[in-house]
Amino acid sequence: MQTFTKRDLGGRASLEGEAAGLRWLAEAECDGGLHAATVISVTGSELVEERIFTCAPTRDVARRAGAALARTHAAGAAWWGCPPLGWEGSYRIDHSLTPTVAKADASSTWGAFYAEHRVMCYVRVLRDEGSLGPTEVSLFERLASRLEAGIFDAPQPGLVAGNGHQVARLHGDLWAGNLLWDANPANPTGAAIIDPMAHGGHAETDLAMLQLFGCQHLDCLLAGYDEVSPLADGWQERVQLHQVAPLLLHCVLFGDSYLPATLRAARRYV
């Protein structure tokens, strides 16, 4: 097996958490879930993992990947914001900590979890940095209030609920760059996942992230997902809601250029 090594000598990332996330996600592979890059070894400063060689996807492969992602989600998690089993901590990206929650602090609903641990945590950082003024902060506070009231709570996809889980097992940072089209013919799903911020959440969040920056054959991937794990009514209308959190994180990490898109998404739901 050829390997790929990630090094972090400055404490900018949480490599041990990333390794725990890969192992946690890999537990679903025996049930047809997506292949997660195999962890070879990990320390606080170095992660050695399987190297995934990529190829161009077909529409059929994208459909199979969507079905496999549904099965990964269906492995479930114990609570909203639950970290990978056996690891306690938050994923560090520079000065940002995201998005795990200790069981003692867990919310009882998705809306309350998303409001506090995915929206307002970043809003407060941006406010304190001066990137958000009182008007913008008020917008997000209104959105958080509606989330906490349960207005946007929706059932998990069919397989997650069918397995008896309220909370799905998420990759947590599933943009197209972290979903690799695997050239290994031994991989039946045709795809593999890397670089997770794995946690317990709503399955629609991973799907919304795939739609945020584009993904090859996205229509086929979503169709393959929905075929094996039907999505709840109105899921398309909630896509931008689930994109608010990653957009806010991008504002924290990369600056105000992401702010107009973030505000547009938030305004849809207040």
Foldseek 3Di string as FASTA:
>chain_A
DDKDKDFDPPQQWAFVLQQLLLVLLCVLVVVQAFHAWAWDDDDRTMTITHDFDFDDDDLVLLLLNLQNNLSSQLVADDAFQAGRPPDDAFTGHHPDTDAHDDPVPTDPAQLQSCLPRQQVVLVVVCVVVVNDDPVLSVLSVVLSVCSVVVVPGFQAWASNVVSVHRWTWDQAQQAQVQWGQGPDPVRVSRIYGHDGRIGTHGSLLNLLNNVPPHHPSNVSSNVSNCVNTNDTPPSVVCSLVSVLRVLSVCCVVPHDPSVVSNSVSSVSRD
